[in-house]
Amino acid sequence: MAEDLWRTWPVGSRAMVRRRLPAGDSHLFTDVVGDLLAVDDDGVLLRTRRHGDVRVPGSEIAIGKLVPRPRR
């Protein structure tokens, strides 16, 4: 299934996921970008620069992709 493509991402890569926010929030989605620490049946764990380790449940992943590392 295309929406579960995140399940195939290799740990150690850099990824972006668009996360669905709860009903009633001021926005529908937020993006989480970081290094992929874990992928399992429940979702992904990303290490972000701003918020540290962020767990995103699979049910909240609207879309995502692997992205290049930032230039220094």
N, C-alpha and C. Protein backbone atom coordinates (compact mmCIF):
# COMPACT_ATOMS: atom_id res chain seq x y z
N MET A 1 0.84 -1.18 0.00
CA MET A 1 0.00 0.00 0.00
C MET A 1 0.89 1.25 0.00
N ALA A 2 0.61 2.20 -0.84
CA ALA A 2 1.46 3.38 -0.99
C ALA A 2 1.58 4.19 0.29
N GLU A 3 0.51 4.29 1.05
CA GLU A 3 0.56 5.11 2.26
C GLU A 3 1.44 4.49 3.35
N ASP A 4 1.79 3.21 3.19
CA ASP A 4 2.67 2.56 4.17
C ASP A 4 4.11 2.48 3.69
N LEU A 5 4.47 3.28 2.71
CA LEU A 5 5.82 3.27 2.16
C LEU A 5 6.86 3.53 3.25
N TRP A 6 6.50 4.28 4.27
CA TRP A 6 7.43 4.57 5.37
C TRP A 6 7.95 3.29 6.03
N ARG A 7 7.21 2.20 5.94
CA ARG A 7 7.65 0.93 6.54
C ARG A 7 8.92 0.39 5.89
N THR A 8 9.23 0.84 4.66
CA THR A 8 10.39 0.34 3.93
C THR A 8 11.64 1.21 4.12
N TRP A 9 11.51 2.33 4.81
CA TRP A 9 12.64 3.24 4.95
C TRP A 9 13.73 2.63 5.82
N PRO A 10 15.00 2.78 5.42
CA PRO A 10 16.09 2.24 6.23
C PRO A 10 16.43 3.14 7.42
N VAL A 11 16.61 2.53 8.56
CA VAL A 11 17.05 3.26 9.76
C VAL A 11 18.38 3.92 9.43
N GLY A 12 18.57 5.16 9.89
CA GLY A 12 19.78 5.91 9.63
C GLY A 12 19.61 6.93 8.52
N SER A 13 18.55 6.79 7.72
CA SER A 13 18.31 7.77 6.66
C SER A 13 17.61 9.00 7.26
N ARG A 14 17.49 10.04 6.46
CA ARG A 14 16.81 11.26 6.88
C ARG A 14 15.44 11.27 6.21
N ALA A 15 14.42 11.62 6.97
CA ALA A 15 13.06 11.54 6.44
C ALA A 15 12.23 12.74 6.88
N MET A 16 11.16 12.95 6.12
CA MET A 16 10.15 13.95 6.45
C MET A 16 8.81 13.22 6.44
N VAL A 17 8.02 13.43 7.50
CA VAL A 17 6.66 12.91 7.52
C VAL A 17 5.70 14.05 7.79
N ARG A 18 4.59 14.03 7.09
CA ARG A 18 3.51 14.98 7.34
C ARG A 18 2.55 14.28 8.29
N ARG A 19 2.45 14.84 9.48
CA ARG A 19 1.68 14.24 10.57
C ARG A 19 0.31 14.90 10.69
N ARG A 20 -0.73 14.06 10.73
CA ARG A 20 -2.09 14.58 10.95
C ARG A 20 -2.20 15.07 12.40
N LEU A 21 -2.80 16.23 12.58
CA LEU A 21 -3.02 16.77 13.92
C LEU A 21 -4.44 16.46 14.38
N PRO A 22 -4.69 16.49 15.67
CA PRO A 22 -6.04 16.19 16.18
C PRO A 22 -7.09 17.18 15.69
N ALA A 23 -8.31 16.71 15.57
CA ALA A 23 -9.42 17.57 15.18
C ALA A 23 -9.51 18.74 16.16
N GLY A 24 -9.79 19.92 15.65
CA GLY A 24 -9.91 21.09 16.49
C GLY A 24 -8.61 21.87 16.62
N ASP A 25 -7.49 21.30 16.16
CA ASP A 25 -6.22 22.01 16.18
C ASP A 25 -6.29 23.15 15.17
N SER A 26 -5.43 24.14 15.29
CA SER A 26 -5.45 25.28 14.37
C SER A 26 -4.98 24.90 12.97
N HIS A 27 -4.28 23.79 12.82
CA HIS A 27 -3.81 23.29 11.52
C HIS A 27 -4.22 21.83 11.37
N LEU A 28 -4.25 21.36 10.13
CA LEU A 28 -4.58 19.95 9.88
C LEU A 28 -3.36 19.05 10.00
N PHE A 29 -2.16 19.60 9.62
CA PHE A 29 -0.93 18.81 9.57
C PHE A 29 0.24 19.59 10.12
N THR A 30 1.30 18.86 10.46
CA THR A 30 2.60 19.45 10.76
C THR A 30 3.66 18.51 10.18
N ASP A 31 4.79 19.07 9.80
CA ASP A 31 5.87 18.26 9.25
C ASP A 31 6.91 17.97 10.33
N VAL A 32 7.43 16.76 10.30
CA VAL A 32 8.50 16.35 11.21
C VAL A 32 9.64 15.87 10.32
N VAL A 33 10.84 16.47 10.50
CA VAL A 33 12.01 16.13 9.70
C VAL A 33 13.12 15.72 10.64
N GLY A 34 13.78 14.61 10.33
CA GLY A 34 14.90 14.20 11.17
C GLY A 34 15.51 12.89 10.73
N ASP A 35 16.47 12.44 11.51
CA ASP A 35 17.14 11.17 11.26
C ASP A 35 16.27 10.04 11.78
N LEU A 36 16.12 9.03 10.97
CA LEU A 36 15.25 7.90 11.28
C LEU A 36 15.95 6.95 12.25
N LEU A 37 15.43 6.88 13.47
CA LEU A 37 16.00 6.02 14.50
C LEU A 37 15.35 4.64 14.55
N ALA A 38 14.06 4.57 14.21
CA ALA A 38 13.35 3.29 14.26
C ALA A 38 12.14 3.32 13.35
N VAL A 39 11.84 2.15 12.79
CA VAL A 39 10.64 1.93 11.99
C VAL A 39 10.06 0.61 12.47
N ASP A 40 8.79 0.61 12.85
CA ASP A 40 8.15 -0.63 13.25
C ASP A 40 6.68 -0.58 12.84
N ASP A 41 5.93 -1.59 13.21
CA ASP A 41 4.53 -1.65 12.81
C ASP A 41 3.70 -0.49 13.36
N ASP A 42 4.19 0.16 14.42
CA ASP A 42 3.43 1.24 15.06
C ASP A 42 3.74 2.62 14.50
N GLY A 43 4.84 2.78 13.75
CA GLY A 43 5.19 4.08 13.21
C GLY A 43 6.69 4.28 13.10
N VAL A 44 7.12 5.54 13.22
CA VAL A 44 8.53 5.88 13.09
C VAL A 44 8.99 6.71 14.27
N LEU A 45 10.29 6.67 14.51
CA LEU A 45 10.93 7.51 15.52
C LEU A 45 11.99 8.32 14.82
N LEU A 46 11.86 9.65 14.88
CA LEU A 46 12.79 10.57 14.23
C LEU A 46 13.52 11.40 15.27
N ARG A 47 14.81 11.62 15.05
CA ARG A 47 15.57 12.55 15.90
C ARG A 47 15.64 13.87 15.17
N THR A 48 14.95 14.88 15.72
CA THR A 48 14.88 16.19 15.09
C THR A 48 15.85 17.15 15.77
N ARG A 49 16.18 18.22 15.08
CA ARG A 49 17.06 19.24 15.66
C ARG A 49 16.36 20.03 16.75
N ARG A 50 15.11 20.37 16.53
CA ARG A 50 14.40 21.27 17.42
C ARG A 50 13.73 20.57 18.61
N HIS A 51 13.15 19.38 18.37
CA HIS A 51 12.34 18.74 19.41
C HIS A 51 12.90 17.43 19.93
N GLY A 52 14.13 17.10 19.54
CA GLY A 52 14.71 15.85 20.00
C GLY A 52 14.04 14.66 19.32
N ASP A 53 13.88 13.56 20.04
CA ASP A 53 13.27 12.36 19.49
C ASP A 53 11.75 12.50 19.46
N VAL A 54 11.17 12.27 18.28
CA VAL A 54 9.74 12.42 18.09
C VAL A 54 9.18 11.13 17.52
N ARG A 55 8.25 10.54 18.22
CA ARG A 55 7.57 9.32 17.77
C ARG A 55 6.33 9.73 16.98
N VAL A 56 6.18 9.23 15.76
CA VAL A 56 5.01 9.52 14.94
C VAL A 56 4.30 8.19 14.67
N PRO A 57 3.13 8.00 15.25
CA PRO A 57 2.37 6.77 14.99
C PRO A 57 2.01 6.65 13.51
N GLY A 58 2.01 5.44 13.01
CA GLY A 58 1.66 5.20 11.61
C GLY A 58 0.30 5.74 11.24
N SER A 59 -0.63 5.71 12.17
CA SER A 59 -1.99 6.20 11.91
C SER A 59 -2.02 7.72 11.69
N GLU A 60 -0.97 8.43 12.10
CA GLU A 60 -0.91 9.88 11.94
C GLU A 60 -0.07 10.31 10.74
N ILE A 61 0.57 9.36 10.04
CA ILE A 61 1.40 9.70 8.90
C ILE A 61 0.51 9.83 7.67
N ALA A 62 0.39 11.07 7.16
CA ALA A 62 -0.41 11.32 5.97
C ALA A 62 0.42 11.03 4.72
N ILE A 63 1.68 11.43 4.74
CA ILE A 63 2.60 11.24 3.62
C ILE A 63 4.01 11.43 4.15
N GLY A 64 4.96 10.94 3.43
CA GLY A 64 6.34 11.12 3.84
C GLY A 64 7.29 10.78 2.72
N LYS A 65 8.56 11.12 2.94
CA LYS A 65 9.59 10.81 1.95
C LYS A 65 10.96 10.87 2.60
N LEU A 66 11.91 10.23 1.96
CA LEU A 66 13.30 10.35 2.37
C LEU A 66 13.84 11.65 1.78
N VAL A 67 14.67 12.34 2.54
CA VAL A 67 15.19 13.64 2.09
C VAL A 67 16.70 13.65 2.30
N PRO A 68 17.40 14.49 1.51
CA PRO A 68 18.85 14.57 1.66
C PRO A 68 19.24 15.27 2.97
N ARG A 69 20.43 14.98 3.43
CA ARG A 69 20.96 15.66 4.61
C ARG A 69 21.25 17.11 4.26
N PRO A 70 21.14 18.02 5.23
CA PRO A 70 21.42 19.44 4.95
C PRO A 70 22.90 19.65 4.65
N ARG A 71 23.18 20.63 3.82
CA ARG A 71 24.58 21.00 3.55
C ARG A 71 25.13 21.77 4.71
N ARG A 72 26.40 21.65 4.90
CA ARG A 72 27.04 22.40 6.00
C ARG A 72 27.89 23.50 5.49
